[in-house]
């Protein structure tokens, strides 16, 4: 395997989201970054997640354990990405409700 030529793919997606939900998403990530801690875990599965905030805070998650808080944060990112595929008001509203349910769970923990 050749690891000298990395293939990093950056993705940017955009979609309408209510200000309240957008603020809650940001708070969840800011709190997660503030409570993060360094780990010596390593692996070669090629899936890394970088979280940044408008205030230039940054966090990194690599292959989180299923059911862990980091896994829930990744699930939130994946739902946000899926949200960007919707265009109709009805689909956007349903997707936002799904995001709210996940945010509720993350905010309880």
Protein backbone atom coordinates (compact mmCIF):
# COMPACT_ATOMS: atom_id res chain seq x y z
CA UNK A 1 0.00 0.00 0.00
CA UNK A 2 1.28 3.44 -0.92
CA UNK A 3 0.69 5.97 1.85
CA UNK A 4 2.89 8.69 0.35
CA UNK A 5 0.16 10.23 -1.82
CA UNK A 6 -2.78 10.96 0.43
CA UNK A 7 -6.19 11.49 -1.17
CA UNK A 8 -8.08 13.82 1.09
CA UNK A 9 -11.49 14.80 -0.17
CA UNK A 10 -13.13 17.86 1.34
CA UNK A 11 -16.87 18.26 1.06
CA UNK A 12 -18.95 21.40 1.44
CA UNK A 13 -22.73 21.25 1.39
CA UNK A 14 -25.36 23.92 2.02
CA UNK A 15 -29.05 23.84 2.93
CA UNK A 16 -31.65 25.95 4.68
CA UNK A 17 -31.79 25.39 8.43
CA UNK A 18 -33.64 27.38 11.07
CA UNK A 19 -31.49 29.74 13.14
CA UNK A 20 -32.44 27.91 16.35
CA UNK A 21 -31.35 24.51 15.04
CA UNK A 22 -28.18 25.96 13.51
CA UNK A 23 -27.29 27.56 16.88
CA UNK A 24 -27.95 24.29 18.71
CA UNK A 25 -25.73 22.37 16.27
CA UNK A 26 -22.94 24.87 16.82
CA UNK A 27 -23.31 24.69 20.63
CA UNK A 28 -23.19 20.88 20.58
CA UNK A 29 -19.93 20.93 18.60
CA UNK A 30 -18.41 23.76 20.69
CA UNK A 31 -19.19 21.80 23.88
CA UNK A 32 -17.79 18.59 22.39
CA UNK A 33 -14.57 20.32 21.41
CA UNK A 34 -14.26 21.93 24.86
CA UNK A 35 -14.64 18.51 26.56
CA UNK A 36 -12.39 16.62 24.13
CA UNK A 37 -9.20 14.92 25.17
CA UNK A 38 -6.21 13.58 23.33
CA UNK A 39 -6.14 9.92 22.39
CA UNK A 40 -3.31 7.69 21.24
CA UNK A 41 -5.68 5.60 19.11
CA UNK A 42 -4.48 4.93 15.59
CA UNK A 43 -5.66 2.98 12.60
CA UNK A 44 -5.74 2.72 8.85
CA UNK A 45 -9.42 2.72 7.93
CA UNK A 46 -9.15 6.11 6.23
CA UNK A 47 -12.15 7.75 7.89
CA UNK A 48 -11.43 10.91 9.84
CA UNK A 49 -13.79 13.69 10.85
CA UNK A 50 -12.70 17.26 11.51
CA UNK A 51 -15.10 19.61 13.28
CA UNK A 52 -14.57 23.37 13.15
CA UNK A 53 -16.66 26.22 14.48
CA UNK A 54 -17.04 29.85 13.36
CA UNK A 55 -14.85 30.80 16.36
CA UNK A 56 -11.99 28.69 14.93
CA UNK A 57 -12.31 25.90 17.48
CA UNK A 58 -11.33 22.57 16.02
CA UNK A 59 -11.83 18.93 16.96
CA UNK A 60 -10.98 15.63 15.34
CA UNK A 61 -12.63 12.24 15.57
CA UNK A 62 -11.33 9.02 14.10
CA UNK A 63 -13.41 5.86 13.87
CA UNK A 64 -15.49 6.41 17.00
CA UNK A 65 -16.80 3.40 18.91
CA UNK A 66 -20.41 2.59 18.08
CA UNK A 67 -22.77 4.19 20.58
CA UNK A 68 -20.14 6.61 21.89
CA UNK A 69 -20.66 10.36 22.09
CA UNK A 70 -18.24 10.82 19.18
CA UNK A 71 -20.33 8.37 17.15
CA UNK A 72 -23.40 10.51 17.87
CA UNK A 73 -21.51 13.62 16.73
CA UNK A 74 -20.57 11.86 13.50
CA UNK A 75 -24.20 10.81 13.10
CA UNK A 76 -25.16 14.47 13.45
CA UNK A 77 -22.69 15.42 10.71
CA UNK A 78 -24.06 12.68 8.47
CA UNK A 79 -27.64 13.84 9.07
CA UNK A 80 -26.61 17.41 8.28
CA UNK A 81 -25.06 16.19 5.04
CA UNK A 82 -28.23 14.28 4.18
CA UNK A 83 -30.25 17.42 5.01
CA UNK A 84 -28.43 19.20 2.17
CA UNK A 85 -29.93 16.80 -0.37
CA UNK A 86 -33.48 18.00 0.30
CA UNK A 87 -35.04 20.89 -1.59
CA UNK A 88 -38.76 20.84 -0.90
CA UNK A 89 -40.10 22.61 2.20
CA UNK A 90 -41.78 19.41 3.44
CA UNK A 91 -38.60 17.33 3.15
CA UNK A 92 -36.50 20.07 4.76
CA UNK A 93 -38.97 20.29 7.67
CA UNK A 94 -38.95 16.51 8.22
CA UNK A 95 -35.16 16.46 8.07
CA UNK A 96 -34.94 19.32 10.57
CA UNK A 97 -37.23 17.41 12.96
CA UNK A 98 -34.86 14.44 12.71
CA UNK A 99 -31.94 16.75 13.51
CA UNK A 100 -33.84 18.14 16.51
CA UNK A 101 -34.40 14.64 17.92
CA UNK A 102 -30.68 13.88 17.69
CA UNK A 103 -29.79 17.27 19.17
CA UNK A 104 -32.15 16.57 22.09
CA UNK A 105 -30.30 13.32 22.79
CA UNK A 106 -26.88 14.99 22.53
CA UNK A 107 -27.90 17.85 24.80
CA UNK A 108 -29.21 15.45 27.47
CA UNK A 109 -25.83 13.71 27.78
